[in-house]
Amino acid sequence: MSATARKMAPNAEDIRARKGGTPLVSLTAYTTPMAQFMDGHCDFVLVGDSVGMVLHGLTSTLGVTMEMMILHGQAVARGLSQSMMVIDMPFASYEEGPAQAFRNAARLMAETGAGAVKLEGGVEMAETIRFLVKRGIPVMAHIGLTPQSINTLGGYKVQGRDAQVDAVLADARAVADAGAFSVVLEKVPQGLADRITAEVAIPTIGIGASAGCDGQILVVDDMLGFFTAFKPKFVKRYADLGPLAEAAISEYAADVRARRFPAPEHVFADQAPMAAKTAASKAPQKD
């Protein structure tokens, strides 16, 4: 085999096998260009239902539909060849029961080419996870703060403190036992995240959890500074591109209004360059 053979995208079992190894890297993506930037840098790319807030201006993820997830999943798939794609199951597409979950998960995978689905919930979703896995649908679980449940959780609060410790532990054990190949821990206290990571046999993916998790994920627009409505405590801004984009747009607007743009180098001559050159060569020459 050539030493320059192209790296293949990992699958769910590859991700599972990374338990306790080099930390897994992940970001969310919703478009082809962003997926292309991530390809090969991330072990898996998540088409998150956060797209509703980041790109569609929704106040929560609850309004995201299957059609939206499929559209963005197809876009992200076009930009990936070396990173696995995981796609979120949107609110109300799986909670009714295992049969509903299977129909929608199968549709998401068939129409986007995703390698796995992600769904929120612990103990109450274990039966559904087991049902999907037995039928060939790899499942990434998501416990702790589950954004689709904010109306029952009372908002975007840390989950797993004090009296909640046992419940979050039970959720982690339940999804692992049900066959999930990994589990996202969102807004879980560091000590509890470390305990879960030590106790379950599948990789833990932290977002507002602990550096001791088996991997990390962030919303890309948060870490690049494009999404500025609010900044969660757990986000590190690796760039501040939002203000740069606004400044560039402002400069463009000023140039247009002052007729500085387009400049001569941005417009086209009445004759194509070759035609103009030919016409000049045929013009009468002075002695």
C-alpha atoms as a PDB file:
ATOM      1  CA  MET A   1       0.000   0.000   0.000  1.00  0.00           C
ATOM      2  CA  SER A   2       1.255   3.465  -0.847  1.00  0.00           C
ATOM      3  CA  ALA A   3       2.643   5.472   2.059  1.00  0.00           C
ATOM      4  CA  THR A   4       0.479   8.339   0.842  1.00  0.00           C
ATOM      5  CA  ALA A   5      -2.796   6.383   0.854  1.00  0.00           C
ATOM      6  CA  ARG A   6      -5.723   8.589   1.850  1.00  0.00           C
ATOM      7  CA  LYS A   7      -6.839   8.373   5.453  1.00  0.00           C
ATOM      8  CA  MET A   8     -10.245   6.726   5.781  1.00  0.00           C
ATOM      9  CA  ALA A   9     -12.999   8.152   7.967  1.00  0.00           C
ATOM     10  CA  PRO A  10     -13.455   6.282  11.261  1.00  0.00           C
ATOM     11  CA  ASN A  11     -16.669   4.456  12.059  1.00  0.00           C
ATOM     12  CA  ALA A  12     -18.548   3.948  15.327  1.00  0.00           C
ATOM     13  CA  GLU A  13     -16.404   1.001  16.383  1.00  0.00           C
ATOM     14  CA  ASP A  14     -13.237   2.997  15.708  1.00  0.00           C
ATOM     15  CA  ILE A  15     -14.552   5.730  17.995  1.00  0.00           C
ATOM     16  CA  ARG A  16     -15.481   3.196  20.677  1.00  0.00           C
ATOM     17  CA  ALA A  17     -11.962   1.720  20.493  1.00  0.00           C
ATOM     18  CA  ARG A  18     -10.460   5.111  21.372  1.00  0.00           C
ATOM     19  CA  LYS A  19     -11.631   4.750  24.995  1.00  0.00           C
ATOM     20  CA  GLY A  20      -8.794   5.840  27.253  1.00  0.00           C
ATOM     21  CA  GLY A  21      -6.526   6.757  24.338  1.00  0.00           C
ATOM     22  CA  THR A  22      -5.653   9.997  22.585  1.00  0.00           C
ATOM     23  CA  PRO A  23      -8.593  12.358  23.175  1.00  0.00           C
ATOM     24  CA  LEU A  24     -11.226  12.436  20.465  1.00  0.00           C
ATOM     25  CA  VAL A  25     -11.739  15.761  18.679  1.00  0.00           C
ATOM     26  CA  SER A  26     -15.101  16.985  17.442  1.00  0.00           C
ATOM     27  CA  LEU A  27     -16.903  20.132  16.343  1.00  0.00           C
ATOM     28  CA  THR A  28     -20.345  20.840  14.959  1.00  0.00           C
ATOM     29  CA  ALA A  29     -20.802  21.717  11.295  1.00  0.00           C
ATOM     30  CA  TYR A  30     -23.806  22.725   9.214  1.00  0.00           C
ATOM     31  CA  THR A  31     -22.343  23.652   5.810  1.00  0.00           C
ATOM     32  CA  THR A  32     -20.016  22.179   3.205  1.00  0.00           C
ATOM     33  CA  PRO A  33     -17.251  24.812   3.502  1.00  0.00           C
ATOM     34  CA  MET A  34     -17.059  24.493   7.292  1.00  0.00           C
ATOM     35  CA  ALA A  35     -16.976  20.699   7.022  1.00  0.00           C
ATOM     36  CA  GLN A  36     -14.082  20.986   4.566  1.00  0.00           C
ATOM     37  CA  PHE A  37     -12.119  23.062   7.094  1.00  0.00           C
ATOM     38  CA  MET A  38     -12.662  20.369   9.752  1.00  0.00           C
ATOM     39  CA  ASP A  39     -12.095  17.286   7.630  1.00  0.00           C
ATOM     40  CA  GLY A  40      -9.175  15.293   8.950  1.00  0.00           C
ATOM     41  CA  HIS A  41      -8.702  17.557  11.990  1.00  0.00           C
ATOM     42  CA  CYS A  42     -11.772  16.142  13.747  1.00  0.00           C
ATOM     43  CA  ASP A  43     -12.308  12.450  14.448  1.00  0.00           C
ATOM     44  CA  PHE A  44     -16.025  13.001  14.012  1.00  0.00           C
ATOM     45  CA  VAL A  45     -18.104  15.990  12.947  1.00  0.00           C
ATOM     46  CA  LEU A  46     -21.548  16.465  14.463  1.00  0.00           C
ATOM     47  CA  VAL A  47     -24.396  17.926  12.440  1.00  0.00           C
ATOM     48  CA  GLY A  48     -25.996  19.347  15.554  1.00  0.00           C
ATOM     49  CA  ASP A  49     -29.546  20.536  16.077  1.00  0.00           C
ATOM     50  CA  SER A  50     -27.815  23.668  17.385  1.00  0.00           C
ATOM     51  CA  VAL A  51     -28.150  24.671  13.721  1.00  0.00           C
ATOM     52  CA  GLY A  52     -31.569  26.026  14.687  1.00  0.00           C
ATOM     53  CA  MET A  53     -30.035  28.655  16.950  1.00  0.00           C
ATOM     54  CA  VAL A  54     -26.765  29.224  15.096  1.00  0.00           C
ATOM     55  CA  LEU A  55     -28.019  29.518  11.517  1.00  0.00           C
ATOM     56  CA  HIS A  56     -31.799  29.854  11.690  1.00  0.00           C
ATOM     57  CA  GLY A  57     -32.231  32.335  14.522  1.00  0.00           C
ATOM     58  CA  LEU A  58     -34.362  30.081  16.736  1.00  0.00           C
ATOM     59  CA  THR A  59     -34.317  30.640  20.495  1.00  0.00           C
ATOM     60  CA  SER A  60     -33.861  26.922  21.208  1.00  0.00           C
ATOM     61  CA  THR A  61     -33.353  23.631  19.388  1.00  0.00           C
ATOM     62  CA  LEU A  62     -37.011  22.626  19.745  1.00  0.00           C
ATOM     63  CA  GLY A  63     -38.104  24.023  16.388  1.00  0.00           C
ATOM     64  CA  VAL A  64     -35.560  22.048  14.366  1.00  0.00           C
ATOM     65  CA  THR A  65     -37.166  19.576  11.944  1.00  0.00           C
ATOM     66  CA  MET A  66     -36.115  16.375  10.221  1.00  0.00           C
ATOM     67  CA  GLU A  67     -36.030  18.259   6.931  1.00  0.00           C
ATOM     68  CA  MET A  68     -33.604  20.822   8.347  1.00  0.00           C
ATOM     69  CA  MET A  69     -31.318  18.096   9.692  1.00  0.00           C
ATOM     70  CA  ILE A  70     -31.345  16.240   6.380  1.00  0.00           C
ATOM     71  CA  LEU A  71     -30.578  19.399   4.397  1.00  0.00           C
ATOM     72  CA  HIS A  72     -27.615  20.337   6.581  1.00  0.00           C
ATOM     73  CA  GLY A  73     -26.470  16.728   6.887  1.00  0.00           C
ATOM     74  CA  GLN A  74     -26.267  16.434   3.115  1.00  0.00           C
ATOM     75  CA  ALA A  75     -24.278  19.671   2.961  1.00  0.00           C
ATOM     76  CA  VAL A  76     -21.790  18.538   5.609  1.00  0.00           C
ATOM     77  CA  ALA A  77     -21.370  15.115   3.996  1.00  0.00           C
ATOM     78  CA  ARG A  78     -20.155  16.803   0.805  1.00  0.00           C
ATOM     79  CA  GLY A  79     -17.270  18.320   2.741  1.00  0.00           C
ATOM     80  CA  LEU A  80     -16.049  15.214   4.576  1.00  0.00           C
ATOM     81  CA  SER A  81     -13.865  12.325   3.496  1.00  0.00           C
ATOM     82  CA  GLN A  82     -11.581  11.733   6.487  1.00  0.00           C
ATOM     83  CA  SER A  83     -13.854  12.494   9.451  1.00  0.00           C
ATOM     84  CA  MET A  84     -16.905  10.523  10.562  1.00  0.00           C
ATOM     85  CA  MET A  85     -20.248  12.314  10.405  1.00  0.00           C
ATOM     86  CA  VAL A  86     -22.746  11.977  13.258  1.00  0.00           C
ATOM     87  CA  ILE A  87     -26.172  13.617  13.005  1.00  0.00           C
ATOM     88  CA  ASP A  88     -28.578  14.756  15.721  1.00  0.00           C
ATOM     89  CA  MET A  89     -32.085  13.389  15.888  1.00  0.00           C
ATOM     90  CA  PRO A  90     -34.293  16.472  16.325  1.00  0.00           C
ATOM     91  CA  PHE A  91     -36.878  16.979  19.042  1.00  0.00           C
ATOM     92  CA  ALA A  92     -39.996  14.787  18.710  1.00  0.00           C
ATOM     93  CA  SER A  93     -38.392  12.478  16.142  1.00  0.00           C
ATOM     94  CA  TYR A  94     -37.621   9.629  18.590  1.00  0.00           C
ATOM     95  CA  GLU A  95     -39.220  10.165  22.012  1.00  0.00           C
ATOM     96  CA  GLU A  96     -42.514   8.478  21.104  1.00  0.00           C
ATOM     97  CA  GLY A  97     -40.926   5.038  21.076  1.00  0.00           C
ATOM     98  CA  PRO A  98     -38.363   2.720  19.472  1.00  0.00           C
ATOM     99  CA  ALA A  99     -40.313   2.195  16.249  1.00  0.00           C
ATOM    100  CA  GLN A 100     -40.622   5.941  15.582  1.00  0.00           C
ATOM    101  CA  ALA A 101     -36.950   6.387  16.447  1.00  0.00           C
ATOM    102  CA  PHE A 102     -35.904   3.645  14.028  1.00  0.00           C
ATOM    103  CA  ARG A 103     -37.915   5.090  11.134  1.00  0.00           C
ATOM    104  CA  ASN A 104     -36.430   8.538  11.583  1.00  0.00           C
ATOM    105  CA  ALA A 105     -32.884   7.395  12.357  1.00  0.00           C
ATOM    106  CA  ALA A 106     -32.891   5.155   9.286  1.00  0.00           C
ATOM    107  CA  ARG A 107     -34.131   8.062   7.175  1.00  0.00           C
ATOM    108  CA  LEU A 108     -31.450  10.413   8.503  1.00  0.00           C
ATOM    109  CA  MET A 109     -28.677   7.923   7.774  1.00  0.00           C
ATOM    110  CA  ALA A 110     -30.013   6.897   4.364  1.00  0.00           C
ATOM    111  CA  GLU A 111     -30.534  10.463   3.119  1.00  0.00           C
ATOM    112  CA  THR A 112     -27.350  12.012   4.517  1.00  0.00           C
ATOM    113  CA  GLY A 113     -24.797   9.199   4.649  1.00  0.00           C
ATOM    114  CA  ALA A 114     -24.177   9.787   8.373  1.00  0.00           C
ATOM    115  CA  GLY A 115     -22.257   7.082  10.203  1.00  0.00           C
ATOM    116  CA  ALA A 116     -24.341   7.378  13.369  1.00  0.00           C
ATOM    117  CA  VAL A 117     -27.124   9.312  15.051  1.00  0.00           C
ATOM    118  CA  LYS A 118     -27.072  11.159  18.359  1.00  0.00           C
ATOM    119  CA  LEU A 119     -30.057  11.344  20.668  1.00  0.00           C
ATOM    120  CA  GLU A 120     -30.638  12.909  24.066  1.00  0.00           C
ATOM    121  CA  GLY A 121     -31.654  11.106  27.231  1.00  0.00           C
ATOM    122  CA  GLY A 122     -30.429   8.479  29.665  1.00  0.00           C
ATOM    123  CA  VAL A 123     -32.385   5.815  31.490  1.00  0.00           C
ATOM    124  CA  GLU A 124     -35.624   6.681  29.692  1.00  0.00           C
ATOM    125  CA  MET A 125     -33.947   6.272  26.288  1.00  0.00           C
ATOM    126  CA  ALA A 126     -32.083   3.024  27.022  1.00  0.00           C
ATOM    127  CA  GLU A 127     -34.759   0.826  25.451  1.00  0.00           C
ATOM    128  CA  THR A 128     -34.755   2.955  22.303  1.00  0.00           C
ATOM    129  CA  ILE A 129     -30.954   2.908  22.055  1.00  0.00           C
ATOM    130  CA  ARG A 130     -30.931  -0.879  22.419  1.00  0.00           C
ATOM    131  CA  PHE A 131     -33.630  -1.206  19.749  1.00  0.00           C
ATOM    132  CA  LEU A 132     -31.690   0.963  17.281  1.00  0.00           C
ATOM    133  CA  VAL A 133     -28.319  -0.675  17.873  1.00  0.00           C
ATOM    134  CA  LYS A 134     -29.765  -4.159  17.370  1.00  0.00           C
ATOM    135  CA  ARG A 135     -31.075  -2.983  13.997  1.00  0.00           C
ATOM    136  CA  GLY A 136     -27.824  -1.540  12.719  1.00  0.00           C
ATOM    137  CA  ILE A 137     -28.104   2.100  13.812  1.00  0.00           C
ATOM    138  CA  PRO A 138     -25.002   3.234  15.747  1.00  0.00           C
ATOM    139  CA  VAL A 139     -26.047   5.595  18.559  1.00  0.00           C
ATOM    140  CA  MET A 140     -24.129   8.331  20.336  1.00  0.00           C
ATOM    141  CA  ALA A 141     -25.923   9.144  23.588  1.00  0.00           C
ATOM    142  CA  HIS A 142     -26.197  12.582  25.205  1.00  0.00           C
ATOM    143  CA  ILE A 143     -26.803  13.097  28.933  1.00  0.00           C
ATOM    144  CA  GLY A 144     -26.431  15.816  31.561  1.00  0.00           C
ATOM    145  CA  LEU A 145     -27.833  19.029  30.137  1.00  0.00           C
ATOM    146  CA  THR A 146     -30.042  17.929  27.263  1.00  0.00           C
ATOM    147  CA  PRO A 147     -31.095  21.085  25.378  1.00  0.00           C
ATOM    148  CA  GLN A 148     -34.244  19.506  23.969  1.00  0.00           C
ATOM    149  CA  SER A 149     -35.483  19.163  27.569  1.00  0.00           C
ATOM    150  CA  ILE A 150     -34.876  22.732  28.746  1.00  0.00           C
ATOM    151  CA  ASN A 151     -38.562  23.242  29.494  1.00  0.00           C
ATOM    152  CA  THR A 152     -38.486  20.446  32.068  1.00  0.00           C
ATOM    153  CA  LEU A 153     -34.941  21.122  33.296  1.00  0.00           C
ATOM    154  CA  GLY A 154     -35.715  24.771  34.040  1.00  0.00           C
ATOM    155  CA  GLY A 155     -33.207  26.193  31.577  1.00  0.00           C
ATOM    156  CA  TYR A 156     -29.571  25.664  30.655  1.00  0.00           C
ATOM    157  CA  LYS A 157     -28.395  24.610  34.125  1.00  0.00           C
ATOM    158  CA  VAL A 158     -25.519  22.419  35.263  1.00  0.00           C
ATOM    159  CA  GLN A 159     -26.764  18.858  35.759  1.00  0.00           C
ATOM    160  CA  GLY A 160     -25.342  16.402  38.290  1.00  0.00           C
ATOM    161  CA  ARG A 161     -24.763  18.380  41.452  1.00  0.00           C
ATOM    162  CA  ASP A 162     -25.814  17.225  44.925  1.00  0.00           C
ATOM    163  CA  ALA A 163     -29.000  15.142  44.712  1.00  0.00           C
ATOM    164  CA  GLN A 164     -28.661  14.759  40.931  1.00  0.00           C
ATOM    165  CA  VAL A 165     -25.386  12.802  41.041  1.00  0.00           C
ATOM    166  CA  ASP A 166     -26.969   9.361  41.214  1.00  0.00           C
ATOM    167  CA  ALA A 167     -29.435  10.144  38.432  1.00  0.00           C
ATOM    168  CA  VAL A 168     -26.718  11.262  36.004  1.00  0.00           C
ATOM    169  CA  LEU A 169     -24.587   8.243  36.913  1.00  0.00           C
ATOM    170  CA  ALA A 170     -27.580   6.004  36.254  1.00  0.00           C
ATOM    171  CA  ASP A 171     -28.085   7.672  32.872  1.00  0.00           C
ATOM    172  CA  ALA A 172     -24.459   7.072  31.887  1.00  0.00           C
ATOM    173  CA  ARG A 173     -24.573   3.414  32.883  1.00  0.00           C
ATOM    174  CA  ALA A 174     -27.915   2.883  31.153  1.00  0.00           C
ATOM    175  CA  VAL A 175     -26.849   4.236  27.754  1.00  0.00           C
ATOM    176  CA  ALA A 176     -23.552   2.336  27.875  1.00  0.00           C
ATOM    177  CA  ASP A 177     -25.326  -0.910  28.771  1.00  0.00           C
ATOM    178  CA  ALA A 178     -27.875  -0.309  26.009  1.00  0.00           C
ATOM    179  CA  GLY A 179     -25.127  -0.285  23.363  1.00  0.00           C
ATOM    180  CA  ALA A 180     -24.322   3.375  22.687  1.00  0.00           C
ATOM    181  CA  PHE A 181     -20.791   3.614  21.261  1.00  0.00           C
ATOM    182  CA  SER A 182     -20.071   6.896  23.073  1.00  0.00           C
ATOM    183  CA  VAL A 183     -21.814   9.442  25.267  1.00  0.00           C
ATOM    184  CA  VAL A 184     -21.777  13.251  25.308  1.00  0.00           C
ATOM    185  CA  LEU A 185     -21.616  14.768  28.798  1.00  0.00           C
ATOM    186  CA  GLU A 186     -22.926  18.328  28.700  1.00  0.00           C
ATOM    187  CA  LYS A 187     -22.652  20.779  31.593  1.00  0.00           C
ATOM    188  CA  VAL A 188     -21.742  18.060  34.093  1.00  0.00           C
ATOM    189  CA  PRO A 189     -19.479  18.930  37.070  1.00  0.00           C
ATOM    190  CA  GLN A 190     -15.833  18.002  36.561  1.00  0.00           C
ATOM    191  CA  GLY A 191     -15.648  15.430  39.339  1.00  0.00           C
ATOM    192  CA  LEU A 192     -18.753  13.613  38.166  1.00  0.00           C
ATOM    193  CA  ALA A 193     -17.574  13.682  34.542  1.00  0.00           C
ATOM    194  CA  ASP A 194     -14.279  12.105  35.627  1.00  0.00           C
ATOM    195  CA  ARG A 195     -16.128   9.449  37.611  1.00  0.00           C
ATOM    196  CA  ILE A 196     -18.374   8.590  34.656  1.00  0.00           C
ATOM    197  CA  THR A 197     -15.352   8.434  32.352  1.00  0.00           C
ATOM    198  CA  ALA A 198     -13.675   5.982  34.715  1.00  0.00           C
ATOM    199  CA  GLU A 199     -16.765   3.809  35.186  1.00  0.00           C
ATOM    200  CA  VAL A 200     -18.273   3.385  31.713  1.00  0.00           C
ATOM    201  CA  ALA A 201     -16.645   1.330  28.975  1.00  0.00           C
ATOM    202  CA  ILE A 202     -17.472   3.759  26.161  1.00  0.00           C
ATOM    203  CA  PRO A 203     -15.809   7.097  25.339  1.00  0.00           C
ATOM    204  CA  THR A 204     -17.159  10.197  27.049  1.00  0.00           C
ATOM    205  CA  ILE A 205     -17.287  13.373  24.965  1.00  0.00           C
ATOM    206  CA  GLY A 206     -17.217  16.489  27.102  1.00  0.00           C
ATOM    207  CA  ILE A 207     -18.848  19.840  26.487  1.00  0.00           C
ATOM    208  CA  GLY A 208     -18.687  21.819  29.681  1.00  0.00           C
ATOM    209  CA  ALA A 209     -17.524  18.731  31.585  1.00  0.00           C
ATOM    210  CA  SER A 210     -13.864  17.778  32.169  1.00  0.00           C
ATOM    211  CA  ALA A 211     -10.522  17.648  30.371  1.00  0.00           C
ATOM    212  CA  GLY A 212     -10.419  14.082  31.670  1.00  0.00           C
ATOM    213  CA  CYS A 213     -13.178  13.016  29.259  1.00  0.00           C
ATOM    214  CA  ASP A 214     -12.203  10.787  26.351  1.00  0.00           C
ATOM    215  CA  GLY A 215     -12.921  13.612  23.897  1.00  0.00           C
ATOM    216  CA  GLN A 216     -14.269  17.126  23.504  1.00  0.00           C
ATOM    217  CA  ILE A 217     -16.833  18.864  21.311  1.00  0.00           C
ATOM    218  CA  LEU A 218     -17.799  22.505  20.806  1.00  0.00           C
ATOM    219  CA  VAL A 219     -20.221  24.374  18.574  1.00  0.00           C
ATOM    220  CA  VAL A 220     -17.951  25.718  15.847  1.00  0.00           C
ATOM    221  CA  ASP A 221     -19.646  29.128  15.650  1.00  0.00           C
ATOM    222  CA  ASP A 222     -19.032  29.543  19.389  1.00  0.00           C
ATOM    223  CA  MET A 223     -15.324  28.734  19.248  1.00  0.00           C
ATOM    224  CA  LEU A 224     -14.780  30.872  16.137  1.00  0.00           C
ATOM    225  CA  GLY A 225     -16.694  33.849  17.520  1.00  0.00           C
ATOM    226  CA  PHE A 226     -19.375  33.918  14.816  1.00  0.00           C
ATOM    227  CA  PHE A 227     -22.230  33.315  17.266  1.00  0.00           C
ATOM    228  CA  THR A 228     -22.301  36.280  19.636  1.00  0.00           C
ATOM    229  CA  ALA A 229     -25.789  36.205  21.192  1.00  0.00           C
ATOM    230  CA  PHE A 230     -24.209  34.671  24.296  1.00  0.00           C
ATOM    231  CA  LYS A 231     -21.032  32.805  25.252  1.00  0.00           C
ATOM    232  CA  PRO A 232     -21.306  29.716  27.465  1.00  0.00           C
ATOM    233  CA  LYS A 233     -18.745  29.438  30.279  1.00  0.00           C
ATOM    234  CA  PHE A 234     -17.341  26.248  28.746  1.00  0.00           C
ATOM    235  CA  VAL A 235     -16.495  27.849  25.393  1.00  0.00           C
ATOM    236  CA  LYS A 236     -12.965  28.937  24.549  1.00  0.00           C
ATOM    237  CA  ARG A 237     -12.901  31.416  21.673  1.00  0.00           C
ATOM    238  CA  TYR A 238     -10.050  30.376  19.385  1.00  0.00           C
ATOM    239  CA  ALA A 239     -10.849  33.272  17.042  1.00  0.00           C
ATOM    240  CA  ASP A 240     -13.140  36.293  17.072  1.00  0.00           C
ATOM    241  CA  LEU A 241     -14.364  36.238  13.493  1.00  0.00           C
ATOM    242  CA  GLY A 242     -17.765  37.817  14.068  1.00  0.00           C
ATOM    243  CA  PRO A 243     -16.438  41.368  14.574  1.00  0.00           C
ATOM    244  CA  LEU A 244     -13.994  40.878  11.672  1.00  0.00           C
ATOM    245  CA  ALA A 245     -16.861  39.881   9.377  1.00  0.00           C
ATOM    246  CA  GLU A 246     -18.973  42.849  10.478  1.00  0.00           C
ATOM    247  CA  ALA A 247     -16.045  45.241   9.939  1.00  0.00           C
ATOM    248  CA  ALA A 248     -15.460  43.862   6.444  1.00  0.00           C
ATOM    249  CA  ILE A 249     -19.163  44.217   5.572  1.00  0.00           C
ATOM    250  CA  SER A 250     -19.163  47.779   6.890  1.00  0.00           C
ATOM    251  CA  GLU A 251     -16.120  48.652   4.773  1.00  0.00           C
ATOM    252  CA  TYR A 252     -17.744  47.107   1.699  1.00  0.00           C
ATOM    253  CA  ALA A 253     -20.938  49.120   2.267  1.00  0.00           C
ATOM    254  CA  ALA A 254     -18.942  52.342   2.595  1.00  0.00           C
ATOM    255  CA  ASP A 255     -17.002  51.629  -0.618  1.00  0.00           C
ATOM    256  CA  VAL A 256     -20.189  50.960  -2.577  1.00  0.00           C
ATOM    257  CA  ARG A 257     -21.879  54.121  -1.359  1.00  0.00           C
ATOM    258  CA  ALA A 258     -18.748  56.189  -2.171  1.00  0.00           C
ATOM    259  CA  ARG A 259     -18.391  54.467  -5.578  1.00  0.00           C
ATOM    260  CA  ARG A 260     -14.937  53.181  -4.620  1.00  0.00           C
ATOM    261  CA  PHE A 261     -16.130  49.675  -5.457  1.00  0.00           C
ATOM    262  CA  PRO A 262     -16.025  48.300  -8.037  1.00  0.00           C
ATOM    263  CA  ALA A 263     -12.669  49.781  -9.018  1.00  0.00           C
ATOM    264  CA  PRO A 264     -11.205  49.530 -12.564  1.00  0.00           C
ATOM    265  CA  GLU A 265      -9.579  46.183 -11.752  1.00  0.00           C
ATOM    266  CA  HIS A 266     -12.970  44.696 -10.863  1.00  0.00           C
ATOM    267  CA  VAL A 267     -14.814  45.528 -14.112  1.00  0.00           C
ATOM    268  CA  PHE A 268     -14.562  44.288 -17.711  1.00  0.00           C
ATOM    269  CA  ALA A 269     -13.476  46.136 -20.867  1.00  0.00           C
ATOM    270  CA  ASP A 270     -15.855  46.498 -23.797  1.00  0.00           C
ATOM    271  CA  GLN A 271     -13.641  44.185 -25.849  1.00  0.00           C
ATOM    272  CA  ALA A 272     -12.077  40.916 -24.740  1.00  0.00           C
ATOM    273  CA  PRO A 273      -8.284  41.274 -24.284  1.00  0.00           C
ATOM    274  CA  MET A 274      -7.455  39.131 -27.346  1.00  0.00           C
ATOM    275  CA  ALA A 275      -9.955  40.989 -29.530  1.00  0.00           C
ATOM    276  CA  ALA A 276      -8.544  44.340 -28.451  1.00  0.00           C
ATOM    277  CA  LYS A 277      -4.995  43.136 -29.185  1.00  0.00           C
ATOM    278  CA  THR A 278      -6.022  41.870 -32.640  1.00  0.00           C
ATOM    279  CA  ALA A 279      -7.778  45.129 -33.441  1.00  0.00           C
ATOM    280  CA  ALA A 280      -4.713  47.116 -32.408  1.00  0.00           C
ATOM    281  CA  SER A 281      -2.415  45.001 -34.646  1.00  0.00           C
ATOM    282  CA  LYS A 282      -4.664  45.665 -37.654  1.00  0.00           C
ATOM    283  CA  ALA A 283      -4.831  49.410 -37.170  1.00  0.00           C
ATOM    284  CA  PRO A 284      -2.977  51.554 -39.780  1.00  0.00           C
ATOM    285  CA  GLN A 285       0.579  52.245 -38.692  1.00  0.00           C
ATOM    286  CA  LYS A 286       2.250  55.667 -39.083  1.00  0.00           C
ATOM    287  CA  ASP A 287       5.535  55.910 -40.947  1.00  0.00           C
END
